[in-house]
C-alpha cells in the first residue's frame, strides 16, 4: 500500500513522552487507524464521485482485512501485532520519544529545521498548519519515524505537534 505521512497536535505538557503516549491512546480509542482512514473528512468530501467510490471500496477492504467493522483490539500491542508490517499509518506506530532518529521513535525537530520551515523558533499553530509535511520532507524521515515541535501562542507553549511517516 505504501507509507502514509500524518500529523497531530496535542496539548502541551513538559513530559513529551507522556504527551505521546496519551495521544497514541486517544487515537487507538477512537479507532482512527489504517491507511483507508487516513484522509480527513474535508478532503474526502471534495473528491470526485468516482474517486470517492474507489476510496470507500478501499476502506471496506481495509476494514475486512482488519477483521470487520466490529473488530475491537484489546490493546495497542494487539493492534500492532495484527497490522504487522502494514502498521496503522498513524502516531500509534510510534512507540516512544528519543533524542534522534530511530525506528518507532519521535524526536525533537532540530532548531535550525524549525527556523527554516516555519520562519521562526517558536511557531504558532497556524504557521505549522500552513507548512504541514515540510519537516518530513526536509529531514527525509523514514518509515516509522516522527519528529515533534513545541507550538506557541503569545510566546507561551500551548501544544506539541507530531509529524511522521509509518505504514507499508
N, C-alpha and C. Protein backbone atom coordinates (compact mmCIF):
# COMPACT_ATOMS: atom_id res chain seq x y z
N UNK A 1 0.80 -1.19 0.00
CA UNK A 1 0.00 0.00 0.00
C UNK A 1 0.84 1.26 0.00
N UNK A 2 1.97 1.24 0.69
CA UNK A 2 2.81 2.42 0.78
C UNK A 2 2.66 3.10 2.12
N UNK A 3 3.67 3.88 2.47
CA UNK A 3 3.68 4.59 3.75
C UNK A 3 2.75 5.79 3.69
N UNK A 4 2.33 6.23 4.88
CA UNK A 4 1.47 7.41 4.99
C UNK A 4 2.15 8.45 5.88
N UNK A 5 2.08 9.70 5.44
CA UNK A 5 2.50 10.80 6.29
C UNK A 5 1.31 11.22 7.13
N UNK A 6 1.55 11.66 8.34
CA UNK A 6 0.47 12.08 9.22
C UNK A 6 0.99 13.15 10.17
N UNK A 7 0.07 13.85 10.81
CA UNK A 7 0.44 14.87 11.79
C UNK A 7 -0.67 15.02 12.82
N UNK A 8 -0.27 15.44 14.02
CA UNK A 8 -1.20 15.61 15.14
C UNK A 8 -0.75 16.78 16.01
N UNK A 9 -1.73 17.48 16.55
CA UNK A 9 -1.49 18.46 17.60
C UNK A 9 -2.07 17.89 18.89
N UNK A 10 -1.37 18.07 19.99
CA UNK A 10 -1.86 17.62 21.29
C UNK A 10 -1.52 18.70 22.32
N UNK A 11 -2.28 18.83 23.39
CA UNK A 11 -1.99 19.86 24.38
C UNK A 11 -0.56 19.76 24.91
N UNK A 12 0.03 20.91 25.19
CA UNK A 12 1.40 20.96 25.68
C UNK A 12 1.49 20.42 27.10
N UNK A 13 2.55 19.68 27.34
CA UNK A 13 2.97 19.33 28.69
C UNK A 13 4.48 19.15 28.64
N UNK A 14 5.12 19.36 29.76
CA UNK A 14 6.58 19.26 29.81
C UNK A 14 7.09 17.87 29.44
N UNK A 15 6.36 16.86 29.82
CA UNK A 15 6.76 15.48 29.58
C UNK A 15 6.24 15.04 28.20
N UNK A 16 7.10 15.16 27.18
CA UNK A 16 6.69 14.85 25.81
C UNK A 16 6.39 13.36 25.66
N UNK A 17 7.11 12.51 26.36
CA UNK A 17 6.83 11.07 26.31
C UNK A 17 5.40 10.80 26.79
N UNK A 18 5.00 11.43 27.86
CA UNK A 18 3.64 11.27 28.38
C UNK A 18 2.63 11.80 27.36
N UNK A 19 2.91 12.95 26.76
CA UNK A 19 2.02 13.52 25.73
C UNK A 19 1.87 12.55 24.56
N UNK A 20 2.98 11.95 24.13
CA UNK A 20 2.94 10.98 23.02
C UNK A 20 2.07 9.78 23.39
N UNK A 21 2.28 9.22 24.57
CA UNK A 21 1.52 8.03 24.96
C UNK A 21 0.03 8.35 25.10
N UNK A 22 -0.30 9.52 25.63
CA UNK A 22 -1.70 9.91 25.74
C UNK A 22 -2.33 10.08 24.35
N UNK A 23 -1.58 10.65 23.42
CA UNK A 23 -2.07 10.82 22.05
C UNK A 23 -2.27 9.47 21.38
N UNK A 24 -1.31 8.58 21.52
CA UNK A 24 -1.45 7.23 20.96
C UNK A 24 -2.70 6.54 21.49
N UNK A 25 -2.92 6.65 22.80
CA UNK A 25 -4.10 6.03 23.42
C UNK A 25 -5.39 6.66 22.90
N UNK A 26 -5.38 7.96 22.70
CA UNK A 26 -6.56 8.65 22.18
C UNK A 26 -6.88 8.19 20.76
N UNK A 27 -5.87 8.12 19.90
CA UNK A 27 -6.08 7.67 18.52
C UNK A 27 -6.56 6.22 18.51
N UNK A 28 -5.95 5.39 19.35
CA UNK A 28 -6.36 3.99 19.46
C UNK A 28 -7.81 3.89 19.91
N UNK A 29 -8.17 4.63 20.95
CA UNK A 29 -9.53 4.56 21.49
C UNK A 29 -10.58 4.99 20.47
N UNK A 30 -10.22 5.94 19.62
CA UNK A 30 -11.16 6.41 18.59
C UNK A 30 -11.21 5.47 17.38
N UNK A 31 -10.27 4.52 17.30
CA UNK A 31 -10.24 3.60 16.17
C UNK A 31 -9.83 4.26 14.88
N UNK A 32 -9.10 5.36 14.97
CA UNK A 32 -8.70 6.12 13.78
C UNK A 32 -7.34 5.63 13.29
N UNK A 33 -7.31 4.42 12.76
CA UNK A 33 -6.06 3.88 12.25
C UNK A 33 -6.31 3.09 10.99
N UNK A 34 -5.26 2.88 10.23
CA UNK A 34 -5.35 2.20 8.95
C UNK A 34 -5.30 3.21 7.82
N UNK A 35 -4.61 2.88 6.75
CA UNK A 35 -4.43 3.81 5.63
C UNK A 35 -5.76 4.25 5.04
N UNK A 36 -6.73 3.38 5.02
CA UNK A 36 -8.02 3.74 4.43
C UNK A 36 -8.73 4.81 5.24
N UNK A 37 -8.31 5.02 6.48
CA UNK A 37 -8.92 6.05 7.31
C UNK A 37 -8.05 7.29 7.39
N UNK A 38 -6.99 7.38 6.57
CA UNK A 38 -6.01 8.43 6.71
C UNK A 38 -6.45 9.78 6.14
N UNK A 39 -7.44 9.81 5.26
CA UNK A 39 -7.84 11.08 4.67
C UNK A 39 -8.81 11.83 5.57
N UNK A 40 -8.57 13.13 5.76
CA UNK A 40 -9.50 13.93 6.54
C UNK A 40 -10.86 14.01 5.84
N UNK A 41 -11.96 14.14 6.60
CA UNK A 41 -13.29 14.19 6.01
C UNK A 41 -13.46 15.31 4.99
N UNK A 42 -12.84 16.47 5.19
CA UNK A 42 -13.00 17.58 4.24
C UNK A 42 -12.35 17.25 2.90
N UNK A 43 -11.26 16.50 2.91
CA UNK A 43 -10.61 16.08 1.66
C UNK A 43 -11.50 15.07 0.95
N UNK A 44 -12.03 14.13 1.70
CA UNK A 44 -12.91 13.12 1.13
C UNK A 44 -14.15 13.76 0.51
N UNK A 45 -14.69 14.77 1.16
CA UNK A 45 -15.89 15.45 0.67
C UNK A 45 -15.65 16.16 -0.66
N UNK A 46 -14.42 16.58 -0.92
CA UNK A 46 -14.10 17.31 -2.15
C UNK A 46 -13.71 16.41 -3.31
N UNK A 47 -13.64 15.10 -3.07
CA UNK A 47 -13.23 14.17 -4.12
C UNK A 47 -14.34 14.03 -5.17
N UNK A 48 -13.95 13.82 -6.44
CA UNK A 48 -14.95 13.47 -7.46
C UNK A 48 -15.63 12.16 -7.07
N UNK A 49 -16.86 11.97 -7.51
CA UNK A 49 -17.66 10.81 -7.11
C UNK A 49 -16.95 9.48 -7.39
N UNK A 50 -16.30 9.35 -8.56
CA UNK A 50 -15.64 8.08 -8.90
C UNK A 50 -14.49 7.79 -7.95
N UNK A 51 -13.72 8.81 -7.63
CA UNK A 51 -12.58 8.63 -6.72
C UNK A 51 -13.08 8.34 -5.31
N UNK A 52 -14.14 9.02 -4.89
CA UNK A 52 -14.71 8.78 -3.57
C UNK A 52 -15.20 7.33 -3.46
N UNK A 53 -15.86 6.83 -4.52
CA UNK A 53 -16.35 5.44 -4.51
C UNK A 53 -15.18 4.46 -4.41
N UNK A 54 -14.12 4.72 -5.15
CA UNK A 54 -12.94 3.85 -5.10
C UNK A 54 -12.33 3.88 -3.70
N UNK A 55 -12.27 5.07 -3.11
CA UNK A 55 -11.71 5.19 -1.76
C UNK A 55 -12.58 4.44 -0.75
N UNK A 56 -13.89 4.55 -0.87
CA UNK A 56 -14.79 3.83 0.04
C UNK A 56 -14.63 2.32 -0.11
N UNK A 57 -14.41 1.84 -1.35
CA UNK A 57 -14.15 0.42 -1.56
C UNK A 57 -12.86 0.00 -0.87
N UNK A 58 -11.82 0.83 -0.97
CA UNK A 58 -10.56 0.55 -0.29
C UNK A 58 -10.77 0.51 1.21
N UNK A 59 -11.56 1.43 1.74
CA UNK A 59 -11.85 1.47 3.17
C UNK A 59 -12.55 0.18 3.60
N UNK A 60 -13.50 -0.29 2.79
CA UNK A 60 -14.23 -1.52 3.09
C UNK A 60 -13.28 -2.72 3.11
N UNK A 61 -12.38 -2.78 2.11
CA UNK A 61 -11.40 -3.87 2.07
C UNK A 61 -10.46 -3.83 3.27
N UNK A 62 -10.02 -2.64 3.65
CA UNK A 62 -9.13 -2.49 4.81
C UNK A 62 -9.83 -2.92 6.09
N UNK A 63 -11.09 -2.53 6.23
CA UNK A 63 -11.87 -2.92 7.41
C UNK A 63 -12.00 -4.44 7.47
N UNK A 64 -12.29 -5.06 6.34
CA UNK A 64 -12.41 -6.52 6.28
C UNK A 64 -11.08 -7.18 6.62
N UNK A 65 -9.98 -6.62 6.09
CA UNK A 65 -8.66 -7.17 6.36
C UNK A 65 -8.34 -7.15 7.85
N UNK A 66 -8.82 -6.11 8.53
CA UNK A 66 -8.53 -5.99 9.96
C UNK A 66 -9.53 -6.73 10.83
N UNK A 67 -10.46 -7.45 10.21
CA UNK A 67 -11.36 -8.28 10.99
C UNK A 67 -12.80 -7.82 11.01
N UNK A 68 -13.16 -6.84 10.20
CA UNK A 68 -14.55 -6.42 10.12
C UNK A 68 -14.85 -5.19 10.94
N UNK A 69 -16.04 -4.64 10.71
CA UNK A 69 -16.47 -3.41 11.37
C UNK A 69 -16.49 -3.52 12.89
N UNK A 70 -16.78 -4.72 13.40
CA UNK A 70 -16.92 -4.89 14.83
C UNK A 70 -15.60 -5.28 15.51
N UNK A 71 -14.52 -5.30 14.76
CA UNK A 71 -13.23 -5.73 15.30
C UNK A 71 -12.76 -4.75 16.36
N UNK A 72 -12.61 -5.26 17.56
CA UNK A 72 -12.10 -4.46 18.67
C UNK A 72 -10.77 -5.06 19.11
N UNK A 73 -9.80 -4.22 19.28
CA UNK A 73 -8.50 -4.68 19.76
C UNK A 73 -8.41 -4.41 21.25
N UNK A 74 -7.91 -5.36 21.99
CA UNK A 74 -7.82 -5.22 23.44
C UNK A 74 -6.76 -4.22 23.87
N UNK A 75 -5.77 -4.00 23.01
CA UNK A 75 -4.67 -3.11 23.37
C UNK A 75 -3.98 -2.60 22.11
N UNK A 76 -3.17 -1.59 22.29
CA UNK A 76 -2.34 -1.09 21.19
C UNK A 76 -1.41 -2.19 20.73
N UNK A 77 -0.89 -2.96 21.66
CA UNK A 77 0.04 -4.03 21.31
C UNK A 77 -0.64 -5.06 20.40
N UNK A 78 -1.90 -5.42 20.71
CA UNK A 78 -2.63 -6.37 19.88
C UNK A 78 -2.86 -5.78 18.48
N UNK A 79 -3.22 -4.51 18.43
CA UNK A 79 -3.42 -3.84 17.14
C UNK A 79 -2.13 -3.88 16.32
N UNK A 80 -1.01 -3.52 16.93
CA UNK A 80 0.26 -3.50 16.20
C UNK A 80 0.68 -4.90 15.76
N UNK A 81 0.39 -5.90 16.59
CA UNK A 81 0.70 -7.28 16.20
C UNK A 81 -0.16 -7.70 15.01
N UNK A 82 -1.43 -7.31 15.00
CA UNK A 82 -2.34 -7.65 13.93
C UNK A 82 -1.96 -6.97 12.62
N UNK A 83 -1.60 -5.70 12.69
CA UNK A 83 -1.28 -4.96 11.47
C UNK A 83 0.12 -5.29 10.96
N UNK A 84 0.99 -5.77 11.83
CA UNK A 84 2.34 -6.18 11.42
C UNK A 84 3.08 -5.10 10.65
N UNK A 85 3.68 -5.51 9.54
CA UNK A 85 4.47 -4.57 8.72
C UNK A 85 3.61 -3.51 8.05
N UNK A 86 2.30 -3.76 7.93
CA UNK A 86 1.41 -2.74 7.36
C UNK A 86 1.31 -1.54 8.28
N UNK A 87 1.39 -1.74 9.58
CA UNK A 87 1.27 -0.66 10.54
C UNK A 87 -0.13 -0.08 10.55
N UNK A 88 -0.30 0.98 11.32
CA UNK A 88 -1.60 1.63 11.44
C UNK A 88 -1.69 2.91 10.61
N UNK A 89 -0.55 3.38 10.10
CA UNK A 89 -0.49 4.62 9.35
C UNK A 89 -0.89 5.81 10.23
N UNK A 90 -0.54 5.74 11.52
CA UNK A 90 -0.85 6.79 12.48
C UNK A 90 0.27 6.91 13.50
N UNK A 91 0.09 7.84 14.42
CA UNK A 91 1.02 8.02 15.53
C UNK A 91 1.09 6.78 16.42
N UNK A 92 0.10 5.91 16.34
CA UNK A 92 0.10 4.68 17.14
C UNK A 92 1.35 3.85 16.82
N UNK A 93 1.88 3.97 15.60
CA UNK A 93 3.07 3.22 15.21
C UNK A 93 4.34 3.71 15.89
N UNK A 94 4.30 4.89 16.46
CA UNK A 94 5.48 5.47 17.12
C UNK A 94 5.45 5.05 18.58
N UNK A 95 6.47 4.32 19.00
CA UNK A 95 6.45 3.68 20.31
C UNK A 95 6.87 4.57 21.46
N UNK A 96 7.84 5.48 21.21
CA UNK A 96 8.33 6.32 22.29
C UNK A 96 9.11 7.50 21.73
N UNK A 97 9.53 8.39 22.61
CA UNK A 97 10.35 9.53 22.21
C UNK A 97 11.82 9.18 22.41
N UNK A 98 12.68 9.94 21.76
CA UNK A 98 14.11 9.75 21.90
C UNK A 98 14.84 11.02 21.49
N UNK A 99 16.15 10.94 21.49
CA UNK A 99 16.97 12.11 21.16
C UNK A 99 17.24 12.27 19.67
N UNK A 100 17.06 11.19 18.90
CA UNK A 100 17.35 11.25 17.47
C UNK A 100 16.61 10.17 16.72
N UNK A 101 16.80 10.15 15.40
CA UNK A 101 16.07 9.22 14.55
C UNK A 101 16.34 7.75 14.89
N UNK A 102 15.25 7.00 14.96
CA UNK A 102 15.34 5.56 15.16
C UNK A 102 13.97 4.98 14.85
N UNK A 103 13.89 3.68 14.68
CA UNK A 103 12.64 3.00 14.36
C UNK A 103 11.65 3.18 15.51
N UNK A 104 10.44 3.64 15.19
CA UNK A 104 9.38 3.78 16.18
C UNK A 104 9.59 4.91 17.17
N UNK A 105 10.42 5.89 16.80
CA UNK A 105 10.79 6.96 17.72
C UNK A 105 10.37 8.33 17.18
N UNK A 106 9.88 9.18 18.10
CA UNK A 106 9.66 10.60 17.80
C UNK A 106 10.75 11.38 18.53
N UNK A 107 11.40 12.28 17.84
CA UNK A 107 12.46 13.06 18.44
C UNK A 107 12.23 14.54 18.14
N UNK A 108 12.89 15.43 18.91
CA UNK A 108 12.68 16.86 18.69
C UNK A 108 13.22 17.29 17.33
N UNK A 109 12.42 18.04 16.59
CA UNK A 109 12.90 18.58 15.31
C UNK A 109 14.08 19.50 15.60
N UNK A 110 15.14 19.42 14.82
CA UNK A 110 16.29 20.28 15.05
C UNK A 110 15.90 21.77 14.94
N UNK A 111 16.40 22.60 15.86
CA UNK A 111 16.04 24.02 15.85
C UNK A 111 16.26 24.71 14.51
N UNK A 112 17.34 24.36 13.81
CA UNK A 112 17.62 25.00 12.52
C UNK A 112 16.57 24.63 11.46
N UNK A 113 16.02 23.42 11.56
CA UNK A 113 14.97 22.99 10.63
C UNK A 113 13.65 23.68 10.98
N UNK A 114 13.37 23.82 12.26
CA UNK A 114 12.16 24.54 12.69
C UNK A 114 12.22 25.97 12.15
N UNK A 115 13.36 26.62 12.31
CA UNK A 115 13.54 28.00 11.82
C UNK A 115 13.35 28.06 10.30
N UNK A 116 13.95 27.12 9.60
CA UNK A 116 13.89 27.13 8.14
C UNK A 116 12.46 26.87 7.63
N UNK A 117 11.79 25.90 8.21
CA UNK A 117 10.46 25.52 7.73
C UNK A 117 9.39 26.53 8.13
N UNK A 118 9.44 27.00 9.38
CA UNK A 118 8.37 27.87 9.88
C UNK A 118 8.76 29.35 9.94
N UNK A 119 10.04 29.65 9.69
CA UNK A 119 10.48 31.04 9.68
C UNK A 119 10.73 31.63 11.04
N UNK A 120 10.67 30.81 12.08
CA UNK A 120 10.91 31.28 13.44
C UNK A 120 11.14 30.10 14.36
N UNK A 121 11.69 30.37 15.54
CA UNK A 121 12.00 29.33 16.51
C UNK A 121 10.77 28.88 17.29
N UNK A 122 9.76 29.77 17.39
CA UNK A 122 8.56 29.46 18.17
C UNK A 122 7.32 29.59 17.29
N UNK A 123 7.06 28.59 16.44
CA UNK A 123 5.93 28.69 15.51
C UNK A 123 4.58 28.55 16.20
N UNK A 124 3.58 29.18 15.60
CA UNK A 124 2.20 29.09 16.08
C UNK A 124 1.49 27.91 15.42
N UNK A 125 0.32 27.60 15.90
CA UNK A 125 -0.49 26.53 15.32
C UNK A 125 -0.75 26.81 13.84
N UNK A 126 -1.17 28.04 13.53
CA UNK A 126 -1.48 28.39 12.13
C UNK A 126 -0.25 28.29 11.24
N UNK A 127 0.89 28.69 11.73
CA UNK A 127 2.13 28.62 10.93
C UNK A 127 2.51 27.16 10.66
N UNK A 128 2.31 26.33 11.63
CA UNK A 128 2.61 24.90 11.43
C UNK A 128 1.61 24.28 10.46
N UNK A 129 0.33 24.61 10.61
CA UNK A 129 -0.67 24.06 9.68
C UNK A 129 -0.34 24.41 8.22
N UNK A 130 0.13 25.62 7.99
CA UNK A 130 0.48 26.05 6.62
C UNK A 130 1.62 25.24 6.03
N UNK A 131 2.48 24.72 6.89
CA UNK A 131 3.68 24.03 6.41
C UNK A 131 3.67 22.53 6.73
N UNK A 132 2.50 21.97 6.99
CA UNK A 132 2.45 20.54 7.33
C UNK A 132 3.11 19.70 6.24
N UNK A 133 3.90 18.74 6.68
CA UNK A 133 4.58 17.84 5.77
C UNK A 133 5.97 18.30 5.38
N UNK A 134 6.27 19.57 5.60
CA UNK A 134 7.57 20.08 5.16
C UNK A 134 8.74 19.60 6.01
N UNK A 135 8.50 19.37 7.29
CA UNK A 135 9.58 18.84 8.14
C UNK A 135 9.92 17.42 7.69
N UNK A 136 8.90 16.63 7.40
CA UNK A 136 9.11 15.27 6.92
C UNK A 136 9.98 15.28 5.66
N UNK A 137 9.65 16.17 4.74
CA UNK A 137 10.43 16.29 3.50
C UNK A 137 11.84 16.77 3.78
N UNK A 138 11.97 17.80 4.58
CA UNK A 138 13.29 18.40 4.85
C UNK A 138 14.22 17.39 5.52
N UNK A 139 13.70 16.64 6.48
CA UNK A 139 14.53 15.68 7.21
C UNK A 139 14.58 14.32 6.53
N UNK A 140 13.79 14.16 5.45
CA UNK A 140 13.72 12.89 4.75
C UNK A 140 13.45 11.74 5.73
N UNK A 141 12.38 11.92 6.52
CA UNK A 141 12.03 10.89 7.50
C UNK A 141 11.79 9.56 6.82
N UNK A 142 12.23 8.52 7.48
CA UNK A 142 11.98 7.17 7.01
C UNK A 142 10.72 6.65 7.68
N UNK A 143 10.23 5.52 7.20
CA UNK A 143 9.03 4.92 7.78
C UNK A 143 9.25 4.63 9.25
N UNK A 144 8.18 4.80 10.02
CA UNK A 144 8.16 4.57 11.45
C UNK A 144 9.10 5.53 12.19
N UNK A 145 9.13 6.78 11.70
CA UNK A 145 9.87 7.84 12.37
C UNK A 145 8.98 9.07 12.47
N UNK A 146 9.24 9.88 13.49
CA UNK A 146 8.47 11.12 13.67
C UNK A 146 9.34 12.16 14.37
N UNK A 147 8.94 13.40 14.20
CA UNK A 147 9.56 14.49 14.94
C UNK A 147 8.46 15.25 15.67
N UNK A 148 8.86 16.05 16.65
CA UNK A 148 7.88 16.89 17.33
C UNK A 148 8.43 18.30 17.48
N UNK A 149 7.49 19.24 17.55
CA UNK A 149 7.80 20.66 17.65
C UNK A 149 6.87 21.25 18.71
N UNK A 150 7.40 22.10 19.56
CA UNK A 150 6.55 22.82 20.51
C UNK A 150 5.86 23.96 19.76
N UNK A 151 4.55 24.09 20.00
CA UNK A 151 3.72 25.10 19.36
C UNK A 151 3.50 26.23 20.38
N UNK A 152 3.55 27.47 19.88
CA UNK A 152 3.45 28.63 20.78
C UNK A 152 2.27 29.52 20.42
N UNK A 153 1.79 30.22 21.45
CA UNK A 153 0.81 31.30 21.29
C UNK A 153 1.24 32.39 22.27
N UNK A 154 1.47 33.58 21.75
CA UNK A 154 1.97 34.69 22.58
C UNK A 154 3.23 34.31 23.35
N UNK A 155 4.13 33.62 22.64
CA UNK A 155 5.42 33.21 23.20
C UNK A 155 5.33 32.15 24.31
N UNK A 156 4.13 31.58 24.52
CA UNK A 156 3.96 30.55 25.54
C UNK A 156 3.65 29.21 24.85
N UNK A 157 4.26 28.12 25.33
CA UNK A 157 3.96 26.81 24.74
C UNK A 157 2.51 26.41 25.00
N UNK A 158 1.82 25.98 23.94
CA UNK A 158 0.40 25.60 24.07
C UNK A 158 0.12 24.18 23.59
N UNK A 159 0.92 23.69 22.65
CA UNK A 159 0.69 22.37 22.08
C UNK A 159 2.02 21.72 21.72
N UNK A 160 1.93 20.45 21.43
CA UNK A 160 3.05 19.72 20.83
C UNK A 160 2.55 19.19 19.50
N UNK A 161 3.33 19.41 18.46
CA UNK A 161 2.98 18.96 17.11
C UNK A 161 3.87 17.77 16.76
N UNK A 162 3.23 16.67 16.35
CA UNK A 162 3.95 15.49 15.90
C UNK A 162 3.72 15.33 14.40
N UNK A 163 4.79 15.05 13.67
CA UNK A 163 4.70 14.80 12.23
C UNK A 163 5.58 13.59 11.94
N UNK A 164 5.03 12.63 11.19
CA UNK A 164 5.80 11.44 10.92
C UNK A 164 5.30 10.64 9.74
N UNK A 165 5.90 9.47 9.57
CA UNK A 165 5.61 8.58 8.46
C UNK A 165 5.61 7.15 9.02
N UNK A 166 4.56 6.39 8.64
CA UNK A 166 4.55 4.98 9.03
C UNK A 166 3.64 4.21 8.10
N UNK A 167 3.67 2.91 8.26
CA UNK A 167 2.86 2.04 7.42
C UNK A 167 3.65 1.53 6.25
N UNK A 168 3.08 0.53 5.61
CA UNK A 168 3.75 -0.06 4.45
C UNK A 168 2.72 -0.44 3.43
